[in-house]
Amino acid sequence: MRWILLLTCLLANLAQAALDYRLEPRQIADGVWLVEGSTDNFAADNGGNIVNVGFIETADGVVVIDTGPSRRYGEALRQSIEKATGKPVVRVLLTHHHPDHVLGNQAFAGVPIAALPGTTKLLAEQGDAMAENMYRLVGDWMRGTEVVLPTEELHEGALEIGGRRLQLLALRGHTGADLAILDERTGVLFAGDILFYQRALTTPNSPGLDVWLADLDRLEAMPWKQIVPGHGPVTTDAAPFAQMRDYLGWLDGLLRQGAEQGAEMNELIRAPIPERFAQVNLSRYELIRSVSHLYPSYERSAMGRVDR
């Protein structure tokens, strides 16, 4: 009987060891750190670790930008921050409400968690359903994860914490409530999911591609020196902006032309993807999703009013 208990404990320990995010923060500027996720889709072998999360050191402590896809991730992130900086976390800033960015909030109990009002509203409305979907997608990585809402509101403008001045930009293109954060000292711009790079963008809550394109103009005009997209590699040039505009313009044209010609949704999801996007991960997968999210509005716009 004893050997069965020992074997059970051993297997349980091995299972827990396998669920290790192995986060490796790297310093990308003075006091600015990045934990880079993959550009893959949610899967049981990555635990949903597909997002770029950052943190910034200040004289008062550390400011965290997004908390990741699960309670387990958030706990690993907080441990990594303490190991890398030796400083406490004093504030969490959320870029938007999508699950890969906010479901690590539980790990920051006792720390003010701040977001745009629209982000809090969307998380309250959609959070439980998103968390449930994440359980289905990545399994045991999500055990114990529950939605924790922000406790403070953020608004566009300057935010100073511990002698560090951050410029906050309130945008809308990705979800309707999207926060970008520029660290003035280093010029590092945390763009959130307004910028995807080498990874196809997602559109489930977008108010429209025209809104997103306008946001890119505002974001690019910021005095940045280094860009951290929500998903994809860090850059020091404007390549993510060029790729995003190109992709959004192509997607908008595809949907607009399809609606004008009366194309069926199934036709559009099989449309050829331009060769220039061949290296953009998940292009076909996200095209299918974007057509389902956005095409009905294009069809409505293309229809004539029968009562006039």
Protein backbone atom coordinates (compact mmCIF):
# COMPACT_ATOMS: atom_id res chain seq x y z
CA MET A 1 0.00 0.00 0.00
CA ARG A 2 2.86 2.34 0.87
CA TRP A 3 4.47 1.93 -2.56
CA ILE A 4 1.18 2.88 -4.25
CA LEU A 5 1.05 6.10 -2.22
CA LEU A 6 4.68 6.85 -3.04
CA LEU A 7 4.06 6.23 -6.73
CA THR A 8 0.98 8.46 -6.65
CA CYS A 9 2.95 11.27 -5.01
CA LEU A 10 5.78 10.86 -7.50
CA LEU A 11 3.42 11.05 -10.46
CA ALA A 12 1.69 14.08 -8.97
CA ASN A 13 5.05 15.83 -8.49
CA LEU A 14 6.08 15.01 -12.05
CA ALA A 15 2.80 16.40 -13.36
CA GLN A 16 3.32 19.62 -11.42
CA ALA A 17 6.90 19.91 -12.67
CA ALA A 18 5.67 19.60 -16.23
CA LEU A 19 3.40 22.62 -15.70
CA ASP A 20 6.31 25.04 -15.39
CA TYR A 21 6.29 28.19 -17.49
CA ARG A 22 10.06 28.59 -17.05
CA LEU A 23 9.79 32.34 -17.46
CA GLU A 24 13.03 34.09 -18.34
CA PRO A 25 12.75 37.89 -18.10
CA ARG A 26 15.34 39.84 -20.03
CA GLN A 27 16.29 43.46 -19.56
CA ILE A 28 15.70 45.43 -22.76
CA ALA A 29 16.46 48.93 -21.44
CA ASP A 30 17.36 50.69 -18.20
CA GLY A 31 15.00 49.19 -15.63
CA VAL A 32 12.71 47.77 -18.30
CA TRP A 33 12.16 44.02 -18.58
CA LEU A 34 10.36 41.75 -21.01
CA VAL A 35 8.94 38.25 -20.68
CA GLU A 36 8.40 37.22 -24.29
CA GLY A 37 5.75 34.68 -25.26
CA SER A 38 5.55 32.58 -28.39
CA THR A 39 3.63 33.57 -31.52
CA ASP A 40 1.72 30.27 -31.52
CA ASN A 41 -1.90 29.68 -30.62
CA PHE A 42 -3.16 28.63 -27.18
CA ALA A 43 -2.24 24.99 -26.61
CA ALA A 44 -1.76 22.46 -23.82
CA ASP A 45 1.97 22.40 -24.46
CA ASN A 46 2.47 26.15 -23.94
CA GLY A 47 -0.08 26.86 -21.20
CA GLY A 48 -1.30 29.90 -23.08
CA ASN A 49 2.09 31.60 -22.84
CA ILE A 50 1.72 33.50 -26.11
CA VAL A 51 1.84 37.07 -24.82
CA ASN A 52 4.53 39.66 -24.18
CA VAL A 53 4.47 40.80 -20.56
CA GLY A 54 6.66 43.58 -19.20
CA PHE A 55 7.74 45.21 -15.98
CA ILE A 56 9.45 48.48 -15.12
CA GLU A 57 11.56 49.27 -12.08
CA THR A 58 10.91 52.50 -10.17
CA ALA A 59 12.23 53.96 -6.94
CA ASP A 60 9.09 52.74 -5.16
CA GLY A 61 8.99 49.26 -6.67
CA VAL A 62 7.98 47.48 -9.86
CA VAL A 63 5.17 48.31 -12.29
CA VAL A 64 3.86 45.23 -14.11
CA ILE A 65 2.32 45.46 -17.57
CA ASP A 66 -0.19 42.59 -17.97
CA THR A 67 -0.25 39.43 -15.85
CA GLY A 68 -0.50 36.56 -18.33
CA PRO A 69 -2.96 33.75 -19.08
CA SER A 70 -3.38 31.94 -15.74
CA ARG A 71 -2.92 32.08 -12.00
CA ARG A 72 0.08 29.77 -12.38
CA TYR A 73 1.65 32.15 -14.90
CA GLY A 74 1.02 35.14 -12.63
CA GLU A 75 2.68 33.41 -9.71
CA ALA A 76 5.69 32.49 -11.84
CA LEU A 77 5.85 36.06 -13.12
CA ARG A 78 5.82 37.55 -9.63
CA GLN A 79 8.60 35.20 -8.53
CA SER A 80 10.62 36.11 -11.62
CA ILE A 81 10.20 39.83 -10.92
CA GLU A 82 11.39 39.48 -7.34
CA LYS A 83 14.37 37.40 -8.46
CA ALA A 84 15.34 39.81 -11.25
CA THR A 85 14.88 43.09 -9.36
CA GLY A 86 14.72 42.37 -5.64
CA LYS A 87 11.89 44.91 -5.48
CA PRO A 88 8.20 44.58 -4.59
CA VAL A 89 5.45 44.99 -7.14
CA VAL A 90 3.59 48.26 -6.48
CA ARG A 91 1.19 48.51 -9.43
CA VAL A 92 -0.23 46.39 -12.24
CA LEU A 93 -1.34 48.01 -15.49
CA LEU A 94 -3.55 46.02 -17.87
CA THR A 95 -3.46 46.81 -21.59
CA HIS A 96 -6.86 45.21 -22.32
CA HIS A 97 -9.23 42.48 -21.15
CA HIS A 98 -8.28 39.46 -23.26
CA PRO A 99 -7.51 36.34 -21.20
CA ASP A 100 -3.84 35.92 -22.11
CA HIS A 101 -3.20 39.38 -20.65
CA VAL A 102 -5.26 39.38 -17.42
CA LEU A 103 -5.90 35.92 -15.98
CA GLY A 104 -2.73 36.09 -13.89
CA ASN A 105 -4.27 38.87 -11.78
CA GLN A 106 -4.85 36.55 -8.81
CA ALA A 107 -1.13 36.33 -8.20
CA PHE A 108 -1.00 40.06 -7.42
CA ALA A 109 -3.33 40.10 -4.43
CA GLY A 110 -2.74 43.21 -2.36
CA VAL A 111 -1.37 45.16 -5.33
CA PRO A 112 -3.47 47.85 -7.06
CA ILE A 113 -4.53 46.59 -10.50
CA ALA A 114 -5.36 49.42 -12.89
CA ALA A 115 -7.04 49.52 -16.29
CA LEU A 116 -9.10 51.71 -18.58
CA PRO A 117 -12.77 51.79 -17.50
CA GLY A 118 -13.77 50.02 -20.70
CA THR A 119 -11.34 47.21 -19.96
CA THR A 120 -12.88 46.62 -16.54
CA LYS A 121 -16.36 46.63 -18.04
CA LEU A 122 -15.43 44.13 -20.76
CA LEU A 123 -13.62 41.85 -18.30
CA ALA A 124 -16.65 41.86 -15.99
CA GLU A 125 -18.90 40.96 -18.92
CA GLN A 126 -16.70 38.42 -20.72
CA GLY A 127 -14.11 37.26 -18.20
CA ASP A 128 -15.78 34.11 -16.89
CA ALA A 129 -16.57 32.85 -20.38
CA MET A 130 -13.02 33.56 -21.54
CA ALA A 131 -11.55 31.76 -18.53
CA GLU A 132 -13.77 28.76 -19.19
CA ASN A 133 -12.62 28.69 -22.79
CA MET A 134 -8.99 28.84 -21.66
CA TYR A 135 -9.59 25.80 -19.46
CA ARG A 136 -10.75 23.93 -22.56
CA LEU A 137 -7.77 25.08 -24.60
CA VAL A 138 -4.85 24.57 -22.20
CA GLY A 139 -6.19 22.24 -19.50
CA ASP A 140 -4.43 21.85 -16.17
CA TRP A 141 -2.34 25.00 -16.57
CA MET A 142 -5.50 26.89 -15.63
CA ARG A 143 -6.29 25.09 -12.36
CA GLY A 144 -7.32 27.56 -9.65
CA THR A 145 -7.59 30.47 -12.08
CA GLU A 146 -10.42 32.91 -11.48
CA VAL A 147 -11.21 36.34 -12.89
CA VAL A 148 -10.00 39.25 -10.76
CA LEU A 149 -11.24 42.68 -11.82
CA PRO A 150 -9.10 45.84 -11.75
CA THR A 151 -9.32 47.96 -8.63
CA GLU A 152 -8.29 51.31 -10.12
CA GLU A 153 -9.18 53.31 -13.23
CA LEU A 154 -6.65 54.60 -15.72
CA HIS A 155 -7.07 57.48 -18.13
CA GLU A 156 -4.97 58.89 -20.94
CA GLY A 157 -2.12 61.12 -19.84
CA ALA A 158 1.01 61.00 -17.70
CA LEU A 159 1.38 58.62 -14.77
CA GLU A 160 4.32 59.03 -12.42
CA ILE A 161 5.35 56.20 -10.12
CA GLY A 162 8.54 56.23 -8.07
CA GLY A 163 10.18 58.90 -10.20
CA ARG A 164 9.35 57.06 -13.41
CA ARG A 165 7.06 58.92 -15.82
CA LEU A 166 4.82 56.83 -18.05
CA GLN A 167 2.71 58.19 -20.90
CA LEU A 168 -0.63 56.39 -21.20
CA LEU A 169 -2.50 56.32 -24.48
CA ALA A 170 -6.16 55.21 -24.59
CA LEU A 171 -6.94 53.49 -27.90
CA ARG A 172 -9.84 51.41 -29.26
CA GLY A 173 -8.92 49.44 -32.36
CA HIS A 174 -8.35 45.98 -30.90
CA THR A 175 -11.05 45.69 -28.23
CA GLY A 176 -12.67 49.10 -27.83
CA ALA A 177 -10.50 49.77 -24.75
CA ASP A 178 -6.78 49.40 -25.41
CA LEU A 179 -3.95 50.90 -23.37
CA ALA A 180 -0.48 51.67 -24.70
CA ILE A 181 2.32 52.66 -22.32
CA LEU A 182 5.47 54.63 -23.12
CA ASP A 183 8.30 54.76 -20.61
CA GLU A 184 9.65 58.30 -21.11
CA ARG A 185 13.09 57.54 -19.66
CA THR A 186 13.96 54.82 -22.15
CA GLY A 187 11.50 55.29 -24.99
CA VAL A 188 10.23 51.72 -24.66
CA LEU A 189 6.68 51.54 -25.96
CA PHE A 190 4.44 48.75 -24.69
CA ALA A 191 1.87 48.77 -27.49
CA GLY A 192 -0.40 46.01 -26.22
CA ASP A 193 -2.41 44.26 -28.91
CA ILE A 194 -2.74 47.35 -31.04
CA LEU A 195 0.48 45.92 -32.49
CA PHE A 196 1.01 42.32 -33.55
CA TYR A 197 4.27 41.51 -35.32
CA GLN A 198 5.01 38.32 -37.25
CA ARG A 199 1.82 36.95 -35.75
CA ALA A 200 -1.63 37.45 -37.30
CA LEU A 201 -3.85 39.87 -35.41
CA THR A 202 -7.05 38.88 -33.64
CA THR A 203 -10.36 40.74 -34.08
CA PRO A 204 -13.09 39.38 -31.76
CA ASN A 205 -13.85 42.75 -30.12
CA SER A 206 -12.58 45.21 -32.71
CA PRO A 207 -14.94 48.15 -33.36
CA GLY A 208 -13.63 48.31 -36.92
CA LEU A 209 -10.45 48.16 -38.96
CA ASP A 210 -10.70 51.88 -39.73
CA VAL A 211 -10.54 52.60 -36.00
CA TRP A 212 -7.52 50.31 -35.67
CA LEU A 213 -5.69 52.03 -38.55
CA ALA A 214 -6.29 55.44 -36.95
CA ASP A 215 -4.87 54.11 -33.66
CA LEU A 216 -1.70 53.05 -35.45
CA ASP A 217 -1.15 56.63 -36.56
CA ARG A 218 -1.46 57.92 -32.99
CA LEU A 219 0.77 55.19 -31.63
CA GLU A 220 3.51 55.59 -34.21
CA ALA A 221 3.63 59.34 -33.52
CA MET A 222 4.73 58.69 -29.93
CA PRO A 223 8.46 59.38 -29.26
CA TRP A 224 9.39 55.70 -28.98
CA LYS A 225 12.84 54.15 -29.38
CA GLN A 226 11.90 50.50 -28.91
CA ILE A 227 8.60 48.74 -29.53
CA VAL A 228 7.15 45.84 -27.54
CA PRO A 229 4.14 44.49 -29.47
CA GLY A 230 1.48 42.54 -27.64
CA HIS A 231 2.59 39.50 -29.62
CA GLY A 232 5.81 39.07 -31.54
CA PRO A 233 9.46 40.16 -31.36
CA VAL A 234 10.72 43.48 -30.02
CA THR A 235 12.00 45.97 -32.60
CA THR A 236 13.76 49.33 -32.77
CA ASP A 237 12.23 50.28 -36.14
CA ALA A 238 8.76 50.85 -37.54
CA ALA A 239 8.45 47.40 -39.17
CA PRO A 240 5.50 46.34 -36.93
CA PHE A 241 3.54 49.44 -37.98
CA ALA A 242 4.20 48.80 -41.66
CA GLN A 243 3.19 45.15 -41.38
CA MET A 244 0.04 45.97 -39.41
CA ARG A 245 -1.10 48.64 -41.88
CA ASP A 246 -0.42 46.32 -44.80
CA TYR A 247 -2.31 43.43 -43.22
CA LEU A 248 -5.26 45.54 -42.06
CA GLY A 249 -5.51 47.19 -45.48
CA TRP A 250 -5.50 43.82 -47.23
CA LEU A 251 -8.09 42.38 -44.83
CA ASP A 252 -10.34 45.42 -45.18
CA GLY A 253 -10.12 45.24 -48.99
CA LEU A 254 -10.89 41.52 -49.00
CA LEU A 255 -13.98 41.95 -46.84
CA ARG A 256 -15.20 45.06 -48.64
CA GLN A 257 -14.84 43.54 -52.10
CA GLY A 258 -16.46 40.31 -50.94
CA ALA A 259 -19.47 42.19 -49.59
CA GLU A 260 -19.84 44.25 -52.76
CA GLN A 261 -19.77 41.08 -54.87
CA GLY A 262 -22.13 39.19 -52.59
CA ALA A 263 -19.54 36.56 -51.69
CA GLU A 264 -20.32 33.89 -49.11
CA MET A 265 -18.32 33.78 -45.90
CA ASN A 266 -16.95 30.36 -46.84
CA GLU A 267 -15.44 31.84 -49.98
CA LEU A 268 -13.54 34.49 -48.07
CA ILE A 269 -12.03 32.17 -45.49
CA ARG A 270 -10.44 30.25 -48.39
CA ALA A 271 -9.08 33.38 -50.06
CA PRO A 272 -5.39 33.25 -51.03
CA ILE A 273 -3.14 34.88 -48.43
CA PRO A 274 -0.55 37.19 -50.05
CA GLU A 275 2.98 35.83 -50.16
CA ARG A 276 4.27 38.79 -48.15
CA PHE A 277 2.34 37.44 -45.16
CA ALA A 278 3.73 33.91 -45.51
CA GLN A 279 5.99 34.38 -42.47
CA VAL A 280 3.20 35.84 -40.32
CA ASN A 281 2.25 33.03 -37.97
CA LEU A 282 -1.38 31.80 -37.84
CA SER A 283 -2.45 33.86 -40.87
CA ARG A 284 -4.97 31.30 -42.14
CA TYR A 285 -6.35 30.55 -38.69
CA GLU A 286 -6.89 34.21 -37.87
CA LEU A 287 -8.31 34.98 -41.30
CA ILE A 288 -11.05 32.43 -40.66
CA ARG A 289 -11.81 34.03 -37.30
CA SER A 290 -11.67 37.60 -38.62
CA VAL A 291 -14.09 36.82 -41.44
CA SER A 292 -16.56 35.38 -38.93
CA HIS A 293 -16.13 38.38 -36.61
CA LEU A 294 -16.21 41.20 -39.15
CA TYR A 295 -17.85 40.12 -42.39
CA PRO A 296 -21.48 40.55 -41.25
CA SER A 297 -20.90 44.28 -40.70
CA TYR A 298 -19.39 44.63 -44.17
CA GLU A 299 -22.39 42.82 -45.64
CA ARG A 300 -24.79 45.15 -43.84
CA SER A 301 -22.91 48.20 -45.12
CA ALA A 302 -23.06 46.89 -48.70
CA MET A 303 -26.82 46.28 -48.62
CA GLY A 304 -29.20 48.95 -49.94
CA ARG A 305 -32.13 50.10 -47.82
CA VAL A 306 -35.36 48.64 -49.17
CA ASP A 307 -37.50 51.32 -47.52
CA ARG A 308 -35.96 54.19 -49.52
